[in-house]
Amino acid sequence: MALIIIITLLVGVNYYTILLIILKIALIVLYTSILTFTSTPTEITYGFQKVLSPLKLIGVPTSKLALKMTMAIRYIPIMME
């Protein structure tokens, strides 16, 4: 609670905004944890490739981008520990 008060005084935003930001970060960590615990890295990479497949039309290397996104998501729960 003291951290929220300090942030409010320094930044000048209200408690509601700070609590929403904290909630969003907590949910991102929760969702990525659930995703990485229930899916293999191969499945996650395949899913990203499917979602990013329209970008192939403009020359974006979707396989490399999907692999980078998968690695980033795999390490979000680890960084929060």
PDB file of N, CA and C in Angstrom:
ATOM      1  N   MET A   1       0.818  -1.192   0.000  1.00  0.00           N
ATOM      2  CA  MET A   1       0.000   0.000   0.000  1.00  0.00           C
ATOM      3  C   MET A   1       0.864   1.259   0.000  1.00  0.00           C
ATOM      4  N   ALA A   2       1.995   1.176   0.687  1.00  0.00           N
ATOM      5  CA  ALA A   2       2.898   2.326   0.726  1.00  0.00           C
ATOM      6  C   ALA A   2       3.444   2.623  -0.668  1.00  0.00           C
ATOM      7  N   LEU A   3       3.688   1.568  -1.458  1.00  0.00           N
ATOM      8  CA  LEU A   3       4.180   1.752  -2.820  1.00  0.00           C
ATOM      9  C   LEU A   3       3.157   2.502  -3.663  1.00  0.00           C
ATOM     10  N   ILE A   4       1.892   2.192  -3.501  1.00  0.00           N
ATOM     11  CA  ILE A   4       0.842   2.872  -4.258  1.00  0.00           C
ATOM     12  C   ILE A   4       0.775   4.352  -3.870  1.00  0.00           C
ATOM     13  N   ILE A   5       0.926   4.651  -2.612  1.00  0.00           N
ATOM     14  CA  ILE A   5       0.896   6.044  -2.157  1.00  0.00           C
ATOM     15  C   ILE A   5       2.088   6.821  -2.718  1.00  0.00           C
ATOM     16  N   ILE A   6       3.252   6.209  -2.702  1.00  0.00           N
ATOM     17  CA  ILE A   6       4.453   6.868  -3.239  1.00  0.00           C
ATOM     18  C   ILE A   6       4.305   7.123  -4.735  1.00  0.00           C
ATOM     19  N   ILE A   7       3.800   6.121  -5.465  1.00  0.00           N
ATOM     20  CA  ILE A   7       3.602   6.292  -6.909  1.00  0.00           C
ATOM     21  C   ILE A   7       2.584   7.399  -7.175  1.00  0.00           C
ATOM     22  N   THR A   8       1.528   7.447  -6.389  1.00  0.00           N
ATOM     23  CA  THR A   8       0.515   8.479  -6.560  1.00  0.00           C
ATOM     24  C   THR A   8       1.117   9.869  -6.363  1.00  0.00           C
ATOM     25  N   LEU A   9       1.946  10.017  -5.342  1.00  0.00           N
ATOM     26  CA  LEU A   9       2.545  11.324  -5.080  1.00  0.00           C
ATOM     27  C   LEU A   9       3.544  11.715  -6.164  1.00  0.00           C
ATOM     28  N   LEU A  10       4.322  10.756  -6.662  1.00  0.00           N
ATOM     29  CA  LEU A  10       5.334  11.058  -7.666  1.00  0.00           C
ATOM     30  C   LEU A  10       4.738  11.308  -9.042  1.00  0.00           C
ATOM     31  N   VAL A  11       3.805  10.483  -9.444  1.00  0.00           N
ATOM     32  CA  VAL A  11       3.275  10.560 -10.798  1.00  0.00           C
ATOM     33  C   VAL A  11       2.058  11.468 -10.889  1.00  0.00           C
ATOM     34  N   GLY A  12       1.277  11.501  -9.847  1.00  0.00           N
ATOM     35  CA  GLY A  12       0.111  12.368  -9.855  1.00  0.00           C
ATOM     36  C   GLY A  12      -1.134  11.723 -10.438  1.00  0.00           C
ATOM     37  N   VAL A  13      -1.217  10.400 -10.419  1.00  0.00           N
ATOM     38  CA  VAL A  13      -2.425   9.724 -10.877  1.00  0.00           C
ATOM     39  C   VAL A  13      -3.188   9.200  -9.662  1.00  0.00           C
ATOM     40  N   ASN A  14      -4.442   8.878  -9.876  1.00  0.00           N
ATOM     41  CA  ASN A  14      -5.259   8.449  -8.744  1.00  0.00           C
ATOM     42  C   ASN A  14      -5.059   6.953  -8.440  1.00  0.00           C
ATOM     43  N   TYR A  15      -5.601   6.520  -7.322  1.00  0.00           N
ATOM     44  CA  TYR A  15      -5.457   5.132  -6.875  1.00  0.00           C
ATOM     45  C   TYR A  15      -6.084   4.148  -7.853  1.00  0.00           C
ATOM     46  N   TYR A  16      -7.205   4.543  -8.408  1.00  0.00           N
ATOM     47  CA  TYR A  16      -7.925   3.660  -9.327  1.00  0.00           C
ATOM     48  C   TYR A  16      -7.047   3.279 -10.525  1.00  0.00           C
ATOM     49  N   THR A  17      -6.366   4.239 -11.101  1.00  0.00           N
ATOM     50  CA  THR A  17      -5.497   3.977 -12.249  1.00  0.00           C
ATOM     51  C   THR A  17      -4.344   3.067 -11.859  1.00  0.00           C
ATOM     52  N   ILE A  18      -3.746   3.315 -10.724  1.00  0.00           N
ATOM     53  CA  ILE A  18      -2.623   2.486 -10.265  1.00  0.00           C
ATOM     54  C   ILE A  18      -3.083   1.058 -10.010  1.00  0.00           C
ATOM     55  N   LEU A  19      -4.233   0.898  -9.378  1.00  0.00           N
ATOM     56  CA  LEU A  19      -4.744  -0.447  -9.120  1.00  0.00           C
ATOM     57  C   LEU A  19      -5.075  -1.180 -10.410  1.00  0.00           C
ATOM     58  N   LEU A  20      -5.582  -0.467 -11.411  1.00  0.00           N
ATOM     59  CA  LEU A  20      -5.856  -1.100 -12.699  1.00  0.00           C
ATOM     60  C   LEU A  20      -4.571  -1.575 -13.373  1.00  0.00           C
ATOM     61  N   ILE A  21      -3.530  -0.778 -13.300  1.00  0.00           N
ATOM     62  CA  ILE A  21      -2.256  -1.163 -13.895  1.00  0.00           C
ATOM     63  C   ILE A  21      -1.682  -2.389 -13.193  1.00  0.00           C
ATOM     64  N   ILE A  22      -1.735  -2.395 -11.871  1.00  0.00           N
ATOM     65  CA  ILE A  22      -1.236  -3.543 -11.112  1.00  0.00           C
ATOM     66  C   ILE A  22      -2.052  -4.790 -11.440  1.00  0.00           C
ATOM     67  N   LEU A  23      -3.365  -4.639 -11.559  1.00  0.00           N
ATOM     68  CA  LEU A  23      -4.223  -5.768 -11.907  1.00  0.00           C
ATOM     69  C   LEU A  23      -3.904  -6.304 -13.300  1.00  0.00           C
ATOM     70  N   LYS A  24      -3.681  -5.414 -14.249  1.00  0.00           N
ATOM     71  CA  LYS A  24      -3.353  -5.845 -15.605  1.00  0.00           C
ATOM     72  C   LYS A  24      -2.041  -6.615 -15.643  1.00  0.00           C
ATOM     73  N   ILE A  25      -1.033  -6.133 -14.938  1.00  0.00           N
ATOM     74  CA  ILE A  25       0.255  -6.829 -14.902  1.00  0.00           C
ATOM     75  C   ILE A  25       0.106  -8.199 -14.256  1.00  0.00           C
ATOM     76  N   ALA A  26      -0.660  -8.276 -13.175  1.00  0.00           N
ATOM     77  CA  ALA A  26      -0.877  -9.558 -12.506  1.00  0.00           C
ATOM     78  C   ALA A  26      -1.613 -10.536 -13.421  1.00  0.00           C
ATOM     79  N   LEU A  27      -2.593 -10.054 -14.164  1.00  0.00           N
ATOM     80  CA  LEU A  27      -3.312 -10.927 -15.083  1.00  0.00           C
ATOM     81  C   LEU A  27      -2.449 -11.388 -16.245  1.00  0.00           C
ATOM     82  N   ILE A  28      -1.579 -10.526 -16.733  1.00  0.00           N
ATOM     83  CA  ILE A  28      -0.662 -10.935 -17.804  1.00  0.00           C
ATOM     84  C   ILE A  28       0.239 -12.059 -17.317  1.00  0.00           C
ATOM     85  N   VAL A  29       0.762 -11.922 -16.118  1.00  0.00           N
ATOM     86  CA  VAL A  29       1.621 -12.973 -15.558  1.00  0.00           C
ATOM     87  C   VAL A  29       0.825 -14.258 -15.363  1.00  0.00           C
ATOM     88  N   LEU A  30      -0.398 -14.146 -14.858  1.00  0.00           N
ATOM     89  CA  LEU A  30      -1.234 -15.326 -14.648  1.00  0.00           C
ATOM     90  C   LEU A  30      -1.543 -16.031 -15.962  1.00  0.00           C
ATOM     91  N   TYR A  31      -1.960 -15.275 -16.966  1.00  0.00           N
ATOM     92  CA  TYR A  31      -2.310 -15.873 -18.251  1.00  0.00           C
ATOM     93  C   TYR A  31      -1.107 -16.514 -18.939  1.00  0.00           C
ATOM     94  N   THR A  32       0.040 -15.853 -18.893  1.00  0.00           N
ATOM     95  CA  THR A  32       1.223 -16.463 -19.517  1.00  0.00           C
ATOM     96  C   THR A  32       1.676 -17.697 -18.747  1.00  0.00           C
ATOM     97  N   SER A  33       1.500 -17.690 -17.431  1.00  0.00           N
ATOM     98  CA  SER A  33       1.837 -18.881 -16.653  1.00  0.00           C
ATOM     99  C   SER A  33       0.945 -20.050 -17.041  1.00  0.00           C
ATOM    100  N   ILE A  34      -0.340 -19.796 -17.142  1.00  0.00           N
ATOM    101  CA  ILE A  34      -1.271 -20.854 -17.535  1.00  0.00           C
ATOM    102  C   ILE A  34      -0.944 -21.349 -18.943  1.00  0.00           C
ATOM    103  N   LEU A  35      -0.657 -20.438 -19.851  1.00  0.00           N
ATOM    104  CA  LEU A  35      -0.328 -20.826 -21.229  1.00  0.00           C
ATOM    105  C   LEU A  35       0.921 -21.684 -21.285  1.00  0.00           C
ATOM    106  N   THR A  36       1.962 -21.283 -20.579  1.00  0.00           N
ATOM    107  CA  THR A  36       3.213 -22.024 -20.665  1.00  0.00           C
ATOM    108  C   THR A  36       3.170 -23.340 -19.900  1.00  0.00           C
ATOM    109  N   PHE A  37       2.324 -23.438 -18.888  1.00  0.00           N
ATOM    110  CA  PHE A  37       2.213 -24.700 -18.146  1.00  0.00           C
ATOM    111  C   PHE A  37       1.343 -25.725 -18.855  1.00  0.00           C
ATOM    112  N   THR A  38       0.422 -25.279 -19.711  1.00  0.00           N
ATOM    113  CA  THR A  38      -0.499 -26.200 -20.366  1.00  0.00           C
ATOM    114  C   THR A  38      -0.159 -26.487 -21.818  1.00  0.00           C
ATOM    115  N   SER A  39       0.777 -25.764 -22.397  1.00  0.00           N
ATOM    116  CA  SER A  39       1.120 -25.957 -23.807  1.00  0.00           C
ATOM    117  C   SER A  39       2.622 -26.140 -23.958  1.00  0.00           C
ATOM    118  N   THR A  40       2.983 -26.905 -24.963  1.00  0.00           N
ATOM    119  CA  THR A  40       4.409 -27.077 -25.250  1.00  0.00           C
ATOM    120  C   THR A  40       4.892 -25.875 -26.064  1.00  0.00           C
ATOM    121  N   PRO A  41       6.190 -25.608 -26.034  1.00  0.00           N
ATOM    122  CA  PRO A  41       6.700 -24.497 -26.848  1.00  0.00           C
ATOM    123  C   PRO A  41       6.409 -24.664 -28.336  1.00  0.00           C
ATOM    124  N   THR A  42       6.375 -25.895 -28.805  1.00  0.00           N
ATOM    125  CA  THR A  42       6.065 -26.146 -30.212  1.00  0.00           C
ATOM    126  C   THR A  42       4.637 -25.716 -30.539  1.00  0.00           C
ATOM    127  N   GLU A  43       3.703 -26.039 -29.661  1.00  0.00           N
ATOM    128  CA  GLU A  43       2.312 -25.638 -29.887  1.00  0.00           C
ATOM    129  C   GLU A  43       2.154 -24.118 -29.860  1.00  0.00           C
ATOM    130  N   ILE A  44       2.837 -23.474 -28.940  1.00  0.00           N
ATOM    131  CA  ILE A  44       2.751 -22.013 -28.846  1.00  0.00           C
ATOM    132  C   ILE A  44       3.331 -21.364 -30.099  1.00  0.00           C
ATOM    133  N   THR A  45       4.473 -21.851 -30.543  1.00  0.00           N
ATOM    134  CA  THR A  45       5.101 -21.306 -31.752  1.00  0.00           C
ATOM    135  C   THR A  45       4.204 -21.518 -32.963  1.00  0.00           C
ATOM    136  N   TYR A  46       3.612 -22.705 -33.082  1.00  0.00           N
ATOM    137  CA  TYR A  46       2.697 -22.985 -34.195  1.00  0.00           C
ATOM    138  C   TYR A  46       1.503 -22.036 -34.168  1.00  0.00           C
ATOM    139  N   GLY A  47       0.959 -21.787 -32.988  1.00  0.00           N
ATOM    140  CA  GLY A  47      -0.170 -20.865 -32.867  1.00  0.00           C
ATOM    141  C   GLY A  47       0.197 -19.449 -33.287  1.00  0.00           C
ATOM    142  N   PHE A  48       1.359 -18.990 -32.860  1.00  0.00           N
ATOM    143  CA  PHE A  48       1.809 -17.657 -33.279  1.00  0.00           C
ATOM    144  C   PHE A  48       2.020 -17.592 -34.785  1.00  0.00           C
ATOM    145  N   GLN A  49       2.568 -18.662 -35.364  1.00  0.00           N
ATOM    146  CA  GLN A  49       2.773 -18.677 -36.817  1.00  0.00           C
ATOM    147  C   GLN A  49       1.446 -18.580 -37.555  1.00  0.00           C
ATOM    148  N   LYS A  50       0.431 -19.257 -37.057  1.00  0.00           N
ATOM    149  CA  LYS A  50      -0.887 -19.196 -37.695  1.00  0.00           C
ATOM    150  C   LYS A  50      -1.484 -17.783 -37.588  1.00  0.00           C
ATOM    151  N   VAL A  51      -1.343 -17.174 -36.427  1.00  0.00           N
ATOM    152  CA  VAL A  51      -1.898 -15.831 -36.232  1.00  0.00           C
ATOM    153  C   VAL A  51      -1.152 -14.802 -37.079  1.00  0.00           C
ATOM    154  N   LEU A  52       0.156 -14.975 -37.199  1.00  0.00           N
ATOM    155  CA  LEU A  52       0.972 -14.006 -37.932  1.00  0.00           C
ATOM    156  C   LEU A  52       1.071 -14.305 -39.426  1.00  0.00           C
ATOM    157  N   SER A  53       0.437 -15.364 -39.896  1.00  0.00           N
ATOM    158  CA  SER A  53       0.579 -15.764 -41.298  1.00  0.00           C
ATOM    159  C   SER A  53       0.195 -14.682 -42.318  1.00  0.00           C
ATOM    160  N   PRO A  54      -0.775 -13.795 -42.066  1.00  0.00           N
ATOM    161  CA  PRO A  54      -1.038 -12.735 -43.053  1.00  0.00           C
ATOM    162  C   PRO A  54       0.153 -11.795 -43.273  1.00  0.00           C
ATOM    163  N   LEU A  55       1.043 -11.706 -42.305  1.00  0.00           N
ATOM    164  CA  LEU A  55       2.203 -10.823 -42.474  1.00  0.00           C
ATOM    165  C   LEU A  55       3.209 -11.357 -43.487  1.00  0.00           C
ATOM    166  N   LYS A  56       3.071 -12.627 -43.866  1.00  0.00           N
ATOM    167  CA  LYS A  56       3.949 -13.179 -44.905  1.00  0.00           C
ATOM    168  C   LYS A  56       3.765 -12.452 -46.230  1.00  0.00           C
ATOM    169  N   LEU A  57       2.579 -11.911 -46.448  1.00  0.00           N
ATOM    170  CA  LEU A  57       2.290 -11.216 -47.704  1.00  0.00           C
ATOM    171  C   LEU A  57       3.142  -9.965 -47.884  1.00  0.00           C
ATOM    172  N   ILE A  58       3.599  -9.373 -46.784  1.00  0.00           N
ATOM    173  CA  ILE A  58       4.434  -8.172 -46.904  1.00  0.00           C
ATOM    174  C   ILE A  58       5.902  -8.479 -46.611  1.00  0.00           C
ATOM    175  N   GLY A  59       6.232  -9.766 -46.521  1.00  0.00           N
ATOM    176  CA  GLY A  59       7.632 -10.164 -46.397  1.00  0.00           C
ATOM    177  C   GLY A  59       8.175 -10.286 -44.983  1.00  0.00           C
ATOM    178  N   VAL A  60       7.324 -10.375 -43.993  1.00  0.00           N
ATOM    179  CA  VAL A  60       7.776 -10.512 -42.610  1.00  0.00           C
ATOM    180  C   VAL A  60       8.110 -11.986 -42.345  1.00  0.00           C
ATOM    181  N   PRO A  61       9.288 -12.278 -41.797  1.00  0.00           N
ATOM    182  CA  PRO A  61       9.638 -13.670 -41.481  1.00  0.00           C
ATOM    183  C   PRO A  61       8.861 -14.153 -40.249  1.00  0.00           C
ATOM    184  N   THR A  62       7.684 -14.698 -40.471  1.00  0.00           N
ATOM    185  CA  THR A  62       6.787 -15.033 -39.370  1.00  0.00           C
ATOM    186  C   THR A  62       7.314 -16.158 -38.491  1.00  0.00           C
ATOM    187  N   SER A  63       8.079 -17.077 -39.043  1.00  0.00           N
ATOM    188  CA  SER A  63       8.585 -18.180 -38.213  1.00  0.00           C
ATOM    189  C   SER A  63       9.582 -17.664 -37.175  1.00  0.00           C
ATOM    190  N   LYS A  64      10.453 -16.762 -37.582  1.00  0.00           N
ATOM    191  CA  LYS A  64      11.414 -16.183 -36.633  1.00  0.00           C
ATOM    192  C   LYS A  64      10.704 -15.310 -35.604  1.00  0.00           C
ATOM    193  N   LEU A  65       9.727 -14.540 -36.046  1.00  0.00           N
ATOM    194  CA  LEU A  65       8.978 -13.679 -35.138  1.00  0.00           C
ATOM    195  C   LEU A  65       8.173 -14.507 -34.133  1.00  0.00           C
ATOM    196  N   ALA A  66       7.573 -15.591 -34.599  1.00  0.00           N
ATOM    197  CA  ALA A  66       6.806 -16.466 -33.705  1.00  0.00           C
ATOM    198  C   ALA A  66       7.716 -17.110 -32.667  1.00  0.00           C
ATOM    199  N   LEU A  67       8.900 -17.516 -33.063  1.00  0.00           N
ATOM    200  CA  LEU A  67       9.839 -18.115 -32.125  1.00  0.00           C
ATOM    201  C   LEU A  67      10.280 -17.098 -31.073  1.00  0.00           C
ATOM    202  N   LYS A  68      10.540 -15.873 -31.489  1.00  0.00           N
ATOM    203  CA  LYS A  68      10.928 -14.823 -30.544  1.00  0.00           C
ATOM    204  C   LYS A  68       9.804 -14.518 -29.563  1.00  0.00           C
ATOM    205  N   MET A  69       8.573 -14.474 -30.043  1.00  0.00           N
ATOM    206  CA  MET A  69       7.437 -14.215 -29.168  1.00  0.00           C
ATOM    207  C   MET A  69       7.236 -15.365 -28.185  1.00  0.00           C
ATOM    208  N   THR A  70       7.441 -16.583 -28.649  1.00  0.00           N
ATOM    209  CA  THR A  70       7.310 -17.748 -27.773  1.00  0.00           C
ATOM    210  C   THR A  70       8.342 -17.705 -26.665  1.00  0.00           C
ATOM    211  N   MET A  71       9.567 -17.387 -27.003  1.00  0.00           N
ATOM    212  CA  MET A  71      10.614 -17.315 -25.985  1.00  0.00           C
ATOM    213  C   MET A  71      10.328 -16.198 -24.985  1.00  0.00           C
ATOM    214  N   ALA A  72       9.818 -15.082 -25.451  1.00  0.00           N
ATOM    215  CA  ALA A  72       9.484 -13.979 -24.535  1.00  0.00           C
ATOM    216  C   ALA A  72       8.371 -14.388 -23.573  1.00  0.00           C
ATOM    217  N   ILE A  73       7.357 -15.053 -24.078  1.00  0.00           N
ATOM    218  CA  ILE A  73       6.248 -15.476 -23.215  1.00  0.00           C
ATOM    219  C   ILE A  73       6.695 -16.551 -22.235  1.00  0.00           C
ATOM    220  N   ARG A  74       7.599 -17.413 -22.647  1.00  0.00           N
ATOM    221  CA  ARG A  74       8.075 -18.471 -21.749  1.00  0.00           C
ATOM    222  C   ARG A  74       8.808 -17.884 -20.543  1.00  0.00           C
ATOM    223  N   TYR A  75       9.438 -16.728 -20.699  1.00  0.00           N
ATOM    224  CA  TYR A  75      10.247 -16.171 -19.623  1.00  0.00           C
ATOM    225  C   TYR A  75       9.524 -15.145 -18.753  1.00  0.00           C
ATOM    226  N   ILE A  76       8.290 -14.761 -19.092  1.00  0.00           N
ATOM    227  CA  ILE A  76       7.558 -13.814 -18.239  1.00  0.00           C
ATOM    228  C   ILE A  76       7.311 -14.394 -16.845  1.00  0.00           C
ATOM    229  N   PRO A  77       6.793 -15.623 -16.717  1.00  0.00           N
ATOM    230  CA  PRO A  77       6.605 -16.162 -15.349  1.00  0.00           C
ATOM    231  C   PRO A  77       7.910 -16.344 -14.584  1.00  0.00           C
ATOM    232  N   ILE A  78       8.981 -16.670 -15.279  1.00  0.00           N
ATOM    233  CA  ILE A  78      10.275 -16.871 -14.636  1.00  0.00           C
ATOM    234  C   ILE A  78      10.806 -15.545 -14.087  1.00  0.00           C
ATOM    235  N   MET A  79      10.625 -14.454 -14.837  1.00  0.00           N
ATOM    236  CA  MET A  79      11.114 -13.158 -14.389  1.00  0.00           C
ATOM    237  C   MET A  79      10.353 -12.642 -13.182  1.00  0.00           C
ATOM    238  N   MET A  80       9.106 -13.072 -13.001  1.00  0.00           N
ATOM    239  CA  MET A  80       8.298 -12.585 -11.892  1.00  0.00           C
ATOM    240  C   MET A  80       8.608 -13.306 -10.587  1.00  0.00           C
ATOM    241  N   GLU A  81       9.390 -14.369 -10.623  1.00  0.00           N
ATOM    242  CA  GLU A  81       9.718 -15.114  -9.400  1.00  0.00           C
ATOM    243  C   GLU A  81      10.835 -14.460  -8.624  1.00  0.00           C
TER     244      GLU A  81
END
